[in-house]
């Protein structure tokens, strides 16, 4: 049981780390001389960055992605704290339902963020607010990490739902 508990804790911490990296790092959309995320656009030649503001046509979509990624990260961290509290408070034989629900909310938020970005990426990168041509790019590793974090949070949410507190 101790090995299973250690695996679940490591899996949850890995999910949180993936969410933090994919939310913060500047690699959702990359090209030869630029990289963008949901916060800013950076040129790799001059190392200058420009914040994404309401000048951009699809700013509302970017704000939705920002909000959903922040919520997913917060839900994942809260879920971990609730799990630790329930680990010491639950009676033997009870399930970690509250932890599971919060983790599945985190899963839902990251899925919404990545889905919005996937659906709107053409419009996002056609904006006239960019100082360079960013439509000639491809998805970066932060975008891929967001989808991997979705899978990890889904799996851990289901694990918490199935897991019973044993001796």
C-alpha atoms as a PDB file:
ATOM      1  CA  UNK A   1       0.000   0.000   0.000  1.00  0.00           C
ATOM      2  CA  UNK A   2       2.877   2.346   0.757  1.00  0.00           C
ATOM      3  CA  UNK A   3       4.313   1.861  -2.741  1.00  0.00           C
ATOM      4  CA  UNK A   4       0.922   2.624  -4.307  1.00  0.00           C
ATOM      5  CA  UNK A   5       0.611   5.751  -2.179  1.00  0.00           C
ATOM      6  CA  UNK A   6       4.082   6.922  -3.197  1.00  0.00           C
ATOM      7  CA  UNK A   7       3.242   6.292  -6.866  1.00  0.00           C
ATOM      8  CA  UNK A   8       0.016   8.312  -6.589  1.00  0.00           C
ATOM      9  CA  UNK A   9       1.809  11.218  -4.913  1.00  0.00           C
ATOM     10  CA  UNK A  10       4.579  11.252  -7.546  1.00  0.00           C
ATOM     11  CA  UNK A  11       1.985  11.013 -10.327  1.00  0.00           C
ATOM     12  CA  UNK A  12       0.038  13.938  -8.888  1.00  0.00           C
ATOM     13  CA  UNK A  13       3.148  16.081  -8.444  1.00  0.00           C
ATOM     14  CA  UNK A  14       4.143  15.271 -12.037  1.00  0.00           C
ATOM     15  CA  UNK A  15       0.700  16.397 -13.213  1.00  0.00           C
ATOM     16  CA  UNK A  16       1.062  19.671 -11.327  1.00  0.00           C
ATOM     17  CA  UNK A  17       4.561  20.231 -12.735  1.00  0.00           C
ATOM     18  CA  UNK A  18       3.308  19.639 -16.276  1.00  0.00           C
ATOM     19  CA  UNK A  19       0.510  22.133 -15.716  1.00  0.00           C
ATOM     20  CA  UNK A  20       2.893  24.755 -14.343  1.00  0.00           C
ATOM     21  CA  UNK A  21       5.339  24.316 -17.224  1.00  0.00           C
ATOM     22  CA  UNK A  22       2.687  24.390 -19.920  1.00  0.00           C
ATOM     23  CA  UNK A  23       1.031  27.453 -18.397  1.00  0.00           C
ATOM     24  CA  UNK A  24       4.186  29.484 -17.863  1.00  0.00           C
ATOM     25  CA  UNK A  25       6.629  28.478 -20.595  1.00  0.00           C
ATOM     26  CA  UNK A  26       6.724  30.342 -23.905  1.00  0.00           C
ATOM     27  CA  UNK A  27       6.310  27.504 -26.409  1.00  0.00           C
ATOM     28  CA  UNK A  28       2.658  26.943 -27.340  1.00  0.00           C
ATOM     29  CA  UNK A  29       3.297  28.018 -30.939  1.00  0.00           C
ATOM     30  CA  UNK A  30       6.839  28.145 -32.310  1.00  0.00           C
ATOM     31  CA  UNK A  31       8.516  29.057 -35.572  1.00  0.00           C
ATOM     32  CA  UNK A  32      11.997  29.708 -36.908  1.00  0.00           C
ATOM     33  CA  UNK A  33      12.397  33.132 -35.329  1.00  0.00           C
ATOM     34  CA  UNK A  34       9.580  33.386 -32.774  1.00  0.00           C
ATOM     35  CA  UNK A  35       7.782  31.618 -29.974  1.00  0.00           C
ATOM     36  CA  UNK A  36       4.390  32.422 -28.496  1.00  0.00           C
ATOM     37  CA  UNK A  37       2.361  31.291 -25.579  1.00  0.00           C
ATOM     38  CA  UNK A  38      -0.853  32.500 -24.037  1.00  0.00           C
ATOM     39  CA  UNK A  39       0.872  35.491 -22.426  1.00  0.00           C
ATOM     40  CA  UNK A  40       3.399  36.950 -24.880  1.00  0.00           C
ATOM     41  CA  UNK A  41       5.159  36.720 -28.245  1.00  0.00           C
ATOM     42  CA  UNK A  42       8.951  36.560 -28.301  1.00  0.00           C
ATOM     43  CA  UNK A  43      11.436  36.830 -31.126  1.00  0.00           C
ATOM     44  CA  UNK A  44      14.396  34.497 -30.814  1.00  0.00           C
ATOM     45  CA  UNK A  45      16.759  36.706 -32.836  1.00  0.00           C
ATOM     46  CA  UNK A  46      16.557  39.776 -30.620  1.00  0.00           C
ATOM     47  CA  UNK A  47      15.149  38.164 -27.470  1.00  0.00           C
ATOM     48  CA  UNK A  48      12.411  40.764 -27.222  1.00  0.00           C
ATOM     49  CA  UNK A  49       8.968  39.900 -25.998  1.00  0.00           C
ATOM     50  CA  UNK A  50       5.643  41.625 -26.485  1.00  0.00           C
ATOM     51  CA  UNK A  51       2.681  40.991 -24.216  1.00  0.00           C
ATOM     52  CA  UNK A  52      -0.555  39.850 -25.808  1.00  0.00           C
ATOM     53  CA  UNK A  53      -3.081  42.614 -25.148  1.00  0.00           C
ATOM     54  CA  UNK A  54      -6.528  43.581 -26.332  1.00  0.00           C
ATOM     55  CA  UNK A  55      -5.000  44.858 -29.605  1.00  0.00           C
ATOM     56  CA  UNK A  56      -5.198  41.288 -30.878  1.00  0.00           C
ATOM     57  CA  UNK A  57      -8.324  40.196 -32.736  1.00  0.00           C
ATOM     58  CA  UNK A  58      -8.797  36.974 -30.778  1.00  0.00           C
ATOM     59  CA  UNK A  59      -7.881  38.345 -27.367  1.00  0.00           C
ATOM     60  CA  UNK A  60     -11.019  36.869 -25.774  1.00  0.00           C
ATOM     61  CA  UNK A  61      -9.983  33.380 -26.872  1.00  0.00           C
ATOM     62  CA  UNK A  62      -6.510  33.860 -25.423  1.00  0.00           C
ATOM     63  CA  UNK A  63      -8.047  35.094 -22.169  1.00  0.00           C
ATOM     64  CA  UNK A  64     -10.225  31.985 -22.003  1.00  0.00           C
ATOM     65  CA  UNK A  65      -7.146  29.787 -22.465  1.00  0.00           C
ATOM     66  CA  UNK A  66      -5.270  31.777 -19.807  1.00  0.00           C
ATOM     67  CA  UNK A  67      -8.115  31.480 -17.315  1.00  0.00           C
ATOM     68  CA  UNK A  68      -8.661  27.775 -17.918  1.00  0.00           C
ATOM     69  CA  UNK A  69      -4.955  26.954 -17.564  1.00  0.00           C
ATOM     70  CA  UNK A  70      -4.683  28.957 -14.348  1.00  0.00           C
ATOM     71  CA  UNK A  71      -7.793  27.276 -12.962  1.00  0.00           C
ATOM     72  CA  UNK A  72      -6.510  23.821 -13.884  1.00  0.00           C
ATOM     73  CA  UNK A  73      -3.222  24.486 -12.099  1.00  0.00           C
ATOM     74  CA  UNK A  74      -5.003  25.813  -9.017  1.00  0.00           C
ATOM     75  CA  UNK A  75      -7.431  22.871  -8.951  1.00  0.00           C
ATOM     76  CA  UNK A  76      -4.549  20.407  -9.251  1.00  0.00           C
ATOM     77  CA  UNK A  77      -2.699  21.984  -6.311  1.00  0.00           C
ATOM     78  CA  UNK A  78      -5.858  22.183  -4.191  1.00  0.00           C
ATOM     79  CA  UNK A  79      -6.611  18.570  -5.044  1.00  0.00           C
ATOM     80  CA  UNK A  80      -3.201  17.535  -3.757  1.00  0.00           C
ATOM     81  CA  UNK A  81      -3.721  19.422  -0.487  1.00  0.00           C
ATOM     82  CA  UNK A  82      -7.182  17.875  -0.069  1.00  0.00           C
ATOM     83  CA  UNK A  83      -5.679  14.437  -0.714  1.00  0.00           C
ATOM     84  CA  UNK A  84      -3.072  14.950   2.013  1.00  0.00           C
ATOM     85  CA  UNK A  85      -5.780  16.136   4.425  1.00  0.00           C
ATOM     86  CA  UNK A  86      -8.074  13.242   3.544  1.00  0.00           C
ATOM     87  CA  UNK A  87      -5.212  10.815   3.928  1.00  0.00           C
ATOM     88  CA  UNK A  88      -5.081  11.601   7.631  1.00  0.00           C
ATOM     89  CA  UNK A  89      -8.771  12.405   8.225  1.00  0.00           C
ATOM     90  CA  UNK A  90     -10.734   9.713   6.368  1.00  0.00           C
ATOM     91  CA  UNK A  91     -11.816   6.579   8.130  1.00  0.00           C
ATOM     92  CA  UNK A  92     -10.536   3.277   6.815  1.00  0.00           C
ATOM     93  CA  UNK A  93     -12.478   2.048   3.796  1.00  0.00           C
ATOM     94  CA  UNK A  94     -13.675   5.445   2.587  1.00  0.00           C
ATOM     95  CA  UNK A  95     -12.892   6.800  -0.868  1.00  0.00           C
ATOM     96  CA  UNK A  96     -11.107   9.994  -1.841  1.00  0.00           C
ATOM     97  CA  UNK A  97     -14.157  11.361  -3.667  1.00  0.00           C
ATOM     98  CA  UNK A  98     -13.555  15.058  -2.966  1.00  0.00           C
ATOM     99  CA  UNK A  99      -9.955  14.774  -4.168  1.00  0.00           C
ATOM    100  CA  UNK A 100     -11.152  13.005  -7.298  1.00  0.00           C
ATOM    101  CA  UNK A 101     -13.795  15.626  -8.081  1.00  0.00           C
ATOM    102  CA  UNK A 102     -11.311  18.490  -7.743  1.00  0.00           C
ATOM    103  CA  UNK A 103      -8.726  16.659  -9.859  1.00  0.00           C
ATOM    104  CA  UNK A 104     -11.326  15.934 -12.545  1.00  0.00           C
ATOM    105  CA  UNK A 105     -12.219  19.658 -12.536  1.00  0.00           C
ATOM    106  CA  UNK A 106      -8.551  20.345 -13.199  1.00  0.00           C
ATOM    107  CA  UNK A 107      -8.693  17.833 -16.035  1.00  0.00           C
ATOM    108  CA  UNK A 108     -11.738  19.547 -17.490  1.00  0.00           C
ATOM    109  CA  UNK A 109     -10.121  22.996 -17.327  1.00  0.00           C
ATOM    110  CA  UNK A 110      -6.927  21.930 -19.079  1.00  0.00           C
ATOM    111  CA  UNK A 111      -8.983  20.141 -21.733  1.00  0.00           C
ATOM    112  CA  UNK A 112     -11.028  23.297 -22.316  1.00  0.00           C
ATOM    113  CA  UNK A 113      -7.885  25.448 -22.603  1.00  0.00           C
ATOM    114  CA  UNK A 114      -6.101  23.137 -25.022  1.00  0.00           C
ATOM    115  CA  UNK A 115      -9.281  22.613 -27.050  1.00  0.00           C
ATOM    116  CA  UNK A 116      -9.896  26.348 -27.416  1.00  0.00           C
ATOM    117  CA  UNK A 117      -6.296  26.880 -28.495  1.00  0.00           C
ATOM    118  CA  UNK A 118      -6.527  23.989 -30.965  1.00  0.00           C
ATOM    119  CA  UNK A 119      -9.768  25.258 -32.442  1.00  0.00           C
ATOM    120  CA  UNK A 120      -8.811  28.935 -32.633  1.00  0.00           C
ATOM    121  CA  UNK A 121      -5.099  28.672 -33.520  1.00  0.00           C
ATOM    122  CA  UNK A 122      -5.556  29.847 -37.114  1.00  0.00           C
ATOM    123  CA  UNK A 123      -7.437  32.967 -36.063  1.00  0.00           C
ATOM    124  CA  UNK A 124      -5.075  33.556 -33.138  1.00  0.00           C
ATOM    125  CA  UNK A 125      -2.035  33.683 -35.375  1.00  0.00           C
ATOM    126  CA  UNK A 126      -3.565  35.803 -38.149  1.00  0.00           C
ATOM    127  CA  UNK A 127      -3.916  38.856 -35.917  1.00  0.00           C
ATOM    128  CA  UNK A 128      -2.598  42.184 -37.126  1.00  0.00           C
ATOM    129  CA  UNK A 129      -1.238  42.920 -33.656  1.00  0.00           C
ATOM    130  CA  UNK A 130       1.846  40.769 -34.259  1.00  0.00           C
ATOM    131  CA  UNK A 131       4.983  42.504 -35.459  1.00  0.00           C
ATOM    132  CA  UNK A 132       6.149  39.362 -37.302  1.00  0.00           C
ATOM    133  CA  UNK A 133       4.562  36.602 -39.366  1.00  0.00           C
ATOM    134  CA  UNK A 134       3.550  33.954 -36.801  1.00  0.00           C
ATOM    135  CA  UNK A 135       1.134  31.993 -38.948  1.00  0.00           C
ATOM    136  CA  UNK A 136       4.029  29.915 -40.331  1.00  0.00           C
ATOM    137  CA  UNK A 137       4.634  27.999 -37.138  1.00  0.00           C
ATOM    138  CA  UNK A 138       3.711  24.764 -35.451  1.00  0.00           C
ATOM    139  CA  UNK A 139       2.585  23.637 -32.028  1.00  0.00           C
ATOM    140  CA  UNK A 140       5.310  23.782 -29.416  1.00  0.00           C
ATOM    141  CA  UNK A 141       6.149  21.531 -26.523  1.00  0.00           C
ATOM    142  CA  UNK A 142       4.105  23.528 -23.992  1.00  0.00           C
ATOM    143  CA  UNK A 143       0.977  22.797 -26.007  1.00  0.00           C
ATOM    144  CA  UNK A 144       1.884  19.092 -26.068  1.00  0.00           C
ATOM    145  CA  UNK A 145       2.564  19.183 -22.321  1.00  0.00           C
ATOM    146  CA  UNK A 146      -0.888  20.649 -21.773  1.00  0.00           C
ATOM    147  CA  UNK A 147      -2.459  17.642 -23.519  1.00  0.00           C
ATOM    148  CA  UNK A 148      -0.216  15.255 -21.568  1.00  0.00           C
ATOM    149  CA  UNK A 149      -1.259  17.036 -18.361  1.00  0.00           C
ATOM    150  CA  UNK A 150      -4.870  16.473 -19.404  1.00  0.00           C
ATOM    151  CA  UNK A 151      -4.241  12.724 -19.615  1.00  0.00           C
ATOM    152  CA  UNK A 152      -2.336  12.679 -16.321  1.00  0.00           C
ATOM    153  CA  UNK A 153      -5.015  14.601 -14.431  1.00  0.00           C
ATOM    154  CA  UNK A 154      -7.732  12.390 -15.885  1.00  0.00           C
ATOM    155  CA  UNK A 155      -5.898   9.224 -14.855  1.00  0.00           C
ATOM    156  CA  UNK A 156      -5.149  10.520 -11.359  1.00  0.00           C
ATOM    157  CA  UNK A 157      -8.749  11.709 -10.933  1.00  0.00           C
ATOM    158  CA  UNK A 158     -10.000   8.233 -11.769  1.00  0.00           C
ATOM    159  CA  UNK A 159      -7.356   6.679  -9.497  1.00  0.00           C
ATOM    160  CA  UNK A 160      -8.571   8.774  -6.571  1.00  0.00           C
ATOM    161  CA  UNK A 161     -12.155   7.772  -7.328  1.00  0.00           C
ATOM    162  CA  UNK A 162     -11.252   4.074  -7.204  1.00  0.00           C
ATOM    163  CA  UNK A 163      -8.784   4.330  -4.332  1.00  0.00           C
ATOM    164  CA  UNK A 164      -9.950   3.351  -0.864  1.00  0.00           C
ATOM    165  CA  UNK A 165      -8.099   4.144   2.298  1.00  0.00           C
ATOM    166  CA  UNK A 166      -6.629   0.921   3.544  1.00  0.00           C
ATOM    167  CA  UNK A 167      -4.484  -0.002   6.474  1.00  0.00           C
END
